[in-house]
Amino acid sequence: MAIRFLHTADIHFGMGHYGHIDPKTGLHTRLIDFKNSFEFLIDYAITHSLDCFIFAGDAYKNCYPTPTQQRILIKLFLKLLEKNIPVVIIVGNHDHPGNFSRAHALDVFYHLKHPLCFVFSKISFLTVPTKSGPLQIISVPWLSAGNIKKEKNLSSQEIKNYVLEEIKNMTSLIN
């Protein structure tokens, strides 16, 4: 049986160009547009009983989302989790504050502690249980050479070698 999943990214909640405040809701019309578009994908995954929903980063305009933006995203992901559809979230460059010791904008999803919610902020390997069987994922989130250099004190060539070695280690787990 094939595993069916939806993969998307870059919803950028908080982008406020070309809109205005909606008098009915008090929300920016661009936030409503982005929410409705993302909700369409969520509803599609539920309606078609997909096996997994993969979100590959850049949930917000920057790494400092408003509580309203966070509430919208959490509610949408919870719709999937309530239907037992695993959610894989990969941290993007807009979600990350540029320092590995600080929380990123999607860090809150770690704390849901839901068995079907997976958040990746570093190179990782995971087998995600789905109703159609296991789905193996190697996550390579946005990597900042500057951050790796600061954290590991590596040269540019050593950073490249480090990343390639990490990916090699992850792929060797599959074979």
C-alpha atoms as a PDB file:
ATOM      1  CA  MET A   1       0.000   0.000   0.000  1.00  0.00           C
ATOM      2  CA  ALA A   2       1.262   3.477  -0.829  1.00  0.00           C
ATOM      3  CA  ILE A   3       1.692   6.131   1.814  1.00  0.00           C
ATOM      4  CA  ARG A   4      -0.109   9.340   0.877  1.00  0.00           C
ATOM      5  CA  PHE A   5       1.037  12.607   2.377  1.00  0.00           C
ATOM      6  CA  LEU A   6       0.737  16.314   1.806  1.00  0.00           C
ATOM      7  CA  HIS A   7       3.929  18.395   1.838  1.00  0.00           C
ATOM      8  CA  THR A   8       3.822  22.175   2.083  1.00  0.00           C
ATOM      9  CA  ALA A   9       5.836  25.081   3.455  1.00  0.00           C
ATOM     10  CA  ASP A  10       6.212  28.839   3.607  1.00  0.00           C
ATOM     11  CA  ILE A  11       2.821  30.008   4.837  1.00  0.00           C
ATOM     12  CA  HIS A  12       4.461  33.071   6.440  1.00  0.00           C
ATOM     13  CA  PHE A  13       1.651  34.071   8.809  1.00  0.00           C
ATOM     14  CA  GLY A  14       2.163  37.746   9.587  1.00  0.00           C
ATOM     15  CA  MET A  15       3.014  39.044   6.126  1.00  0.00           C
ATOM     16  CA  GLY A  16       0.967  42.212   5.997  1.00  0.00           C
ATOM     17  CA  HIS A  17       1.500  43.638   2.528  1.00  0.00           C
ATOM     18  CA  TYR A  18      -1.506  44.661   0.427  1.00  0.00           C
ATOM     19  CA  GLY A  19      -4.151  44.310   3.069  1.00  0.00           C
ATOM     20  CA  HIS A  20      -6.060  46.097   5.773  1.00  0.00           C
ATOM     21  CA  ILE A  21      -7.727  45.370   9.092  1.00  0.00           C
ATOM     22  CA  ASP A  22     -10.975  43.485   8.666  1.00  0.00           C
ATOM     23  CA  PRO A  23     -13.616  45.420  10.645  1.00  0.00           C
ATOM     24  CA  LYS A  24     -15.596  42.244  11.402  1.00  0.00           C
ATOM     25  CA  THR A  25     -12.738  40.224  12.955  1.00  0.00           C
ATOM     26  CA  GLY A  26     -10.125  42.859  13.796  1.00  0.00           C
ATOM     27  CA  LEU A  27      -7.540  40.710  11.998  1.00  0.00           C
ATOM     28  CA  HIS A  28      -5.385  41.755   9.075  1.00  0.00           C
ATOM     29  CA  THR A  29      -6.982  40.563   5.834  1.00  0.00           C
ATOM     30  CA  ARG A  30      -3.694  38.988   4.669  1.00  0.00           C
ATOM     31  CA  LEU A  31      -3.595  36.851   7.847  1.00  0.00           C
ATOM     32  CA  ILE A  32      -7.141  35.737   7.107  1.00  0.00           C
ATOM     33  CA  ASP A  33      -6.129  34.922   3.499  1.00  0.00           C
ATOM     34  CA  PHE A  34      -3.105  32.884   4.619  1.00  0.00           C
ATOM     35  CA  LYS A  35      -5.165  31.116   7.300  1.00  0.00           C
ATOM     36  CA  ASN A  36      -7.911  30.211   4.823  1.00  0.00           C
ATOM     37  CA  SER A  37      -5.404  28.901   2.281  1.00  0.00           C
ATOM     38  CA  PHE A  38      -3.605  26.788   4.875  1.00  0.00           C
ATOM     39  CA  GLU A  39      -6.916  25.554   6.270  1.00  0.00           C
ATOM     40  CA  PHE A  40      -7.851  24.423   2.758  1.00  0.00           C
ATOM     41  CA  LEU A  41      -4.768  22.160   2.796  1.00  0.00           C
ATOM     42  CA  ILE A  42      -5.580  20.870   6.280  1.00  0.00           C
ATOM     43  CA  ASP A  43      -9.159  20.095   5.250  1.00  0.00           C
ATOM     44  CA  TYR A  44      -7.911  18.404   2.073  1.00  0.00           C
ATOM     45  CA  ALA A  45      -5.663  16.127   4.141  1.00  0.00           C
ATOM     46  CA  ILE A  46      -8.566  15.243   6.427  1.00  0.00           C
ATOM     47  CA  THR A  47     -11.144  14.791   3.652  1.00  0.00           C
ATOM     48  CA  HIS A  48      -8.819  12.532   1.676  1.00  0.00           C
ATOM     49  CA  SER A  49      -7.705  10.665   4.803  1.00  0.00           C
ATOM     50  CA  LEU A  50      -4.022  11.225   4.065  1.00  0.00           C
ATOM     51  CA  ASP A  51      -1.387   9.335   6.030  1.00  0.00           C
ATOM     52  CA  CYS A  52       0.796  12.276   7.019  1.00  0.00           C
ATOM     53  CA  PHE A  53       1.012  16.064   6.804  1.00  0.00           C
ATOM     54  CA  ILE A  54       4.522  17.469   6.336  1.00  0.00           C
ATOM     55  CA  PHE A  55       5.130  21.149   6.941  1.00  0.00           C
ATOM     56  CA  ALA A  56       8.639  22.169   5.880  1.00  0.00           C
ATOM     57  CA  GLY A  57       9.121  25.478   7.617  1.00  0.00           C
ATOM     58  CA  ASP A  58       8.527  29.202   7.548  1.00  0.00           C
ATOM     59  CA  ALA A  59       5.242  29.210   9.418  1.00  0.00           C
ATOM     60  CA  TYR A  60       5.605  32.867  10.281  1.00  0.00           C
ATOM     61  CA  LYS A  61       6.954  36.051   8.746  1.00  0.00           C
ATOM     62  CA  ASN A  62       9.708  35.974  11.367  1.00  0.00           C
ATOM     63  CA  CYS A  63      10.675  34.112  14.513  1.00  0.00           C
ATOM     64  CA  TYR A  64       8.500  36.351  16.712  1.00  0.00           C
ATOM     65  CA  PRO A  65       4.888  35.404  15.877  1.00  0.00           C
ATOM     66  CA  THR A  66       2.024  37.113  17.623  1.00  0.00           C
ATOM     67  CA  PRO A  67      -0.132  35.084  20.005  1.00  0.00           C
ATOM     68  CA  THR A  68      -2.956  35.338  17.452  1.00  0.00           C
ATOM     69  CA  GLN A  69      -0.777  33.847  14.714  1.00  0.00           C
ATOM     70  CA  GLN A  70       0.324  31.058  17.057  1.00  0.00           C
ATOM     71  CA  ARG A  71      -3.273  30.330  18.092  1.00  0.00           C
ATOM     72  CA  ILE A  72      -4.347  30.013  14.441  1.00  0.00           C
ATOM     73  CA  LEU A  73      -1.525  27.619  13.575  1.00  0.00           C
ATOM     74  CA  ILE A  74      -1.996  25.468  16.672  1.00  0.00           C
ATOM     75  CA  LYS A  75      -5.737  25.130  16.015  1.00  0.00           C
ATOM     76  CA  LEU A  76      -5.074  24.094  12.412  1.00  0.00           C
ATOM     77  CA  PHE A  77      -2.477  21.474  13.311  1.00  0.00           C
ATOM     78  CA  LEU A  78      -4.732  20.171  16.099  1.00  0.00           C
ATOM     79  CA  LYS A  79      -7.463  19.526  13.493  1.00  0.00           C
ATOM     80  CA  LEU A  80      -5.089  17.036  11.866  1.00  0.00           C
ATOM     81  CA  LEU A  81      -3.953  15.468  15.119  1.00  0.00           C
ATOM     82  CA  GLU A  82      -7.565  14.995  16.249  1.00  0.00           C
ATOM     83  CA  LYS A  83      -8.078  12.912  13.095  1.00  0.00           C
ATOM     84  CA  ASN A  84      -4.931  10.869  13.904  1.00  0.00           C
ATOM     85  CA  ILE A  85      -3.009  12.297  10.963  1.00  0.00           C
ATOM     86  CA  PRO A  86       0.664  12.631  11.923  1.00  0.00           C
ATOM     87  CA  VAL A  87       2.097  16.133  11.598  1.00  0.00           C
ATOM     88  CA  VAL A  88       5.780  16.556  10.752  1.00  0.00           C
ATOM     89  CA  ILE A  89       7.061  20.099  11.272  1.00  0.00           C
ATOM     90  CA  ILE A  90      10.481  21.218  10.061  1.00  0.00           C
ATOM     91  CA  VAL A  91      11.839  24.530  11.319  1.00  0.00           C
ATOM     92  CA  GLY A  92      12.581  27.036   8.554  1.00  0.00           C
ATOM     93  CA  ASN A  93      14.844  30.058   8.469  1.00  0.00           C
ATOM     94  CA  HIS A  94      11.983  32.472   9.222  1.00  0.00           C
ATOM     95  CA  ASP A  95      11.062  30.372  12.266  1.00  0.00           C
ATOM     96  CA  HIS A  96      14.556  30.378  13.739  1.00  0.00           C
ATOM     97  CA  PRO A  97      16.065  33.218  15.814  1.00  0.00           C
ATOM     98  CA  GLY A  98      19.561  32.476  14.494  1.00  0.00           C
ATOM     99  CA  ASN A  99      20.843  31.099  17.777  1.00  0.00           C
ATOM    100  CA  PHE A 100      20.524  27.416  18.690  1.00  0.00           C
ATOM    101  CA  SER A 101      20.274  28.166  22.406  1.00  0.00           C
ATOM    102  CA  ARG A 102      17.089  30.239  21.963  1.00  0.00           C
ATOM    103  CA  ALA A 103      13.622  28.858  21.337  1.00  0.00           C
ATOM    104  CA  HIS A 104      12.392  28.996  17.748  1.00  0.00           C
ATOM    105  CA  ALA A 105       8.896  30.018  16.666  1.00  0.00           C
ATOM    106  CA  LEU A 106       7.723  26.388  16.363  1.00  0.00           C
ATOM    107  CA  ASP A 107       9.218  25.298  19.686  1.00  0.00           C
ATOM    108  CA  VAL A 108       5.759  25.325  21.267  1.00  0.00           C
ATOM    109  CA  PHE A 109       4.846  22.229  19.228  1.00  0.00           C
ATOM    110  CA  TYR A 110       7.469  20.177  21.116  1.00  0.00           C
ATOM    111  CA  HIS A 111       5.446  20.850  24.234  1.00  0.00           C
ATOM    112  CA  LEU A 112       2.190  19.484  22.847  1.00  0.00           C
ATOM    113  CA  LYS A 113       3.667  16.075  23.641  1.00  0.00           C
ATOM    114  CA  HIS A 114       1.296  14.548  21.127  1.00  0.00           C
ATOM    115  CA  PRO A 115       2.499  11.148  19.893  1.00  0.00           C
ATOM    116  CA  LEU A 116       1.756  12.100  16.277  1.00  0.00           C
ATOM    117  CA  CYS A 117       3.371  15.564  16.283  1.00  0.00           C
ATOM    118  CA  PHE A 118       7.043  15.661  15.296  1.00  0.00           C
ATOM    119  CA  VAL A 119       9.187  18.801  15.212  1.00  0.00           C
ATOM    120  CA  PHE A 120      12.625  18.882  13.601  1.00  0.00           C
ATOM    121  CA  SER A 121      15.084  21.686  14.272  1.00  0.00           C
ATOM    122  CA  LYS A 122      18.247  19.759  13.436  1.00  0.00           C
ATOM    123  CA  ILE A 123      19.323  16.987  11.092  1.00  0.00           C
ATOM    124  CA  SER A 124      17.304  14.016  12.278  1.00  0.00           C
ATOM    125  CA  PHE A 125      16.001  10.610  11.294  1.00  0.00           C
ATOM    126  CA  LEU A 126      12.604   9.361  12.353  1.00  0.00           C
ATOM    127  CA  THR A 127      10.135   6.672  11.475  1.00  0.00           C
ATOM    128  CA  VAL A 128       6.642   8.146  11.607  1.00  0.00           C
ATOM    129  CA  PRO A 129       3.811   5.686  12.232  1.00  0.00           C
ATOM    130  CA  THR A 130       0.988   6.080   9.722  1.00  0.00           C
ATOM    131  CA  LYS A 131      -2.178   4.072   9.126  1.00  0.00           C
ATOM    132  CA  SER A 132      -0.603   2.727   5.902  1.00  0.00           C
ATOM    133  CA  GLY A 133       2.697   1.747   7.512  1.00  0.00           C
ATOM    134  CA  PRO A 134       5.889   3.398   8.685  1.00  0.00           C
ATOM    135  CA  LEU A 135       7.176   6.497   6.900  1.00  0.00           C
ATOM    136  CA  GLN A 136      10.912   7.123   7.231  1.00  0.00           C
ATOM    137  CA  ILE A 137      11.940  10.772   7.206  1.00  0.00           C
ATOM    138  CA  ILE A 138      15.353  12.380   7.172  1.00  0.00           C
ATOM    139  CA  SER A 139      14.970  15.983   8.170  1.00  0.00           C
ATOM    140  CA  VAL A 140      17.477  18.615   7.078  1.00  0.00           C
ATOM    141  CA  PRO A 141      16.086  21.884   8.471  1.00  0.00           C
ATOM    142  CA  TRP A 142      17.416  25.269   7.576  1.00  0.00           C
ATOM    143  CA  LEU A 143      21.057  25.312   8.585  1.00  0.00           C
ATOM    144  CA  SER A 144      23.004  28.441   9.314  1.00  0.00           C
ATOM    145  CA  ALA A 145      26.732  28.016   8.731  1.00  0.00           C
ATOM    146  CA  GLY A 146      27.258  30.897  11.140  1.00  0.00           C
ATOM    147  CA  ASN A 147      25.353  29.130  13.892  1.00  0.00           C
ATOM    148  CA  ILE A 148      27.095  25.815  13.328  1.00  0.00           C
ATOM    149  CA  LYS A 149      30.419  27.637  13.364  1.00  0.00           C
ATOM    150  CA  LYS A 150      29.531  29.339  16.665  1.00  0.00           C
ATOM    151  CA  GLU A 151      28.196  26.168  18.266  1.00  0.00           C
ATOM    152  CA  LYS A 152      30.900  23.825  16.979  1.00  0.00           C
ATOM    153  CA  ASN A 153      33.744  26.296  16.284  1.00  0.00           C
ATOM    154  CA  LEU A 154      34.297  24.921  12.774  1.00  0.00           C
ATOM    155  CA  SER A 155      35.805  26.329   9.600  1.00  0.00           C
ATOM    156  CA  SER A 156      33.695  26.627   6.433  1.00  0.00           C
ATOM    157  CA  GLN A 157      35.061  23.356   5.046  1.00  0.00           C
ATOM    158  CA  GLU A 158      34.544  21.638   8.401  1.00  0.00           C
ATOM    159  CA  ILE A 159      30.929  22.857   8.421  1.00  0.00           C
ATOM    160  CA  LYS A 160      30.364  21.338   4.977  1.00  0.00           C
ATOM    161  CA  ASN A 161      31.961  18.074   6.082  1.00  0.00           C
ATOM    162  CA  TYR A 162      29.931  18.092   9.320  1.00  0.00           C
ATOM    163  CA  VAL A 163      26.609  18.490   7.473  1.00  0.00           C
ATOM    164  CA  LEU A 164      27.494  15.841   4.874  1.00  0.00           C
ATOM    165  CA  GLU A 165      28.578  13.420   7.609  1.00  0.00           C
ATOM    166  CA  GLU A 166      25.353  13.990   9.545  1.00  0.00           C
ATOM    167  CA  ILE A 167      23.282  13.282   6.427  1.00  0.00           C
ATOM    168  CA  LYS A 168      25.392  10.198   5.693  1.00  0.00           C
ATOM    169  CA  ASN A 169      24.827   8.953   9.244  1.00  0.00           C
ATOM    170  CA  MET A 170      21.088   9.441   8.891  1.00  0.00           C
ATOM    171  CA  THR A 171      20.865   7.630   5.539  1.00  0.00           C
ATOM    172  CA  SER A 172      22.906   4.716   6.883  1.00  0.00           C
ATOM    173  CA  LEU A 173      20.136   4.113   9.416  1.00  0.00           C
ATOM    174  CA  ILE A 174      17.737   3.358   6.575  1.00  0.00           C
ATOM    175  CA  ASN A 175      19.840   0.723   4.832  1.00  0.00           C
END
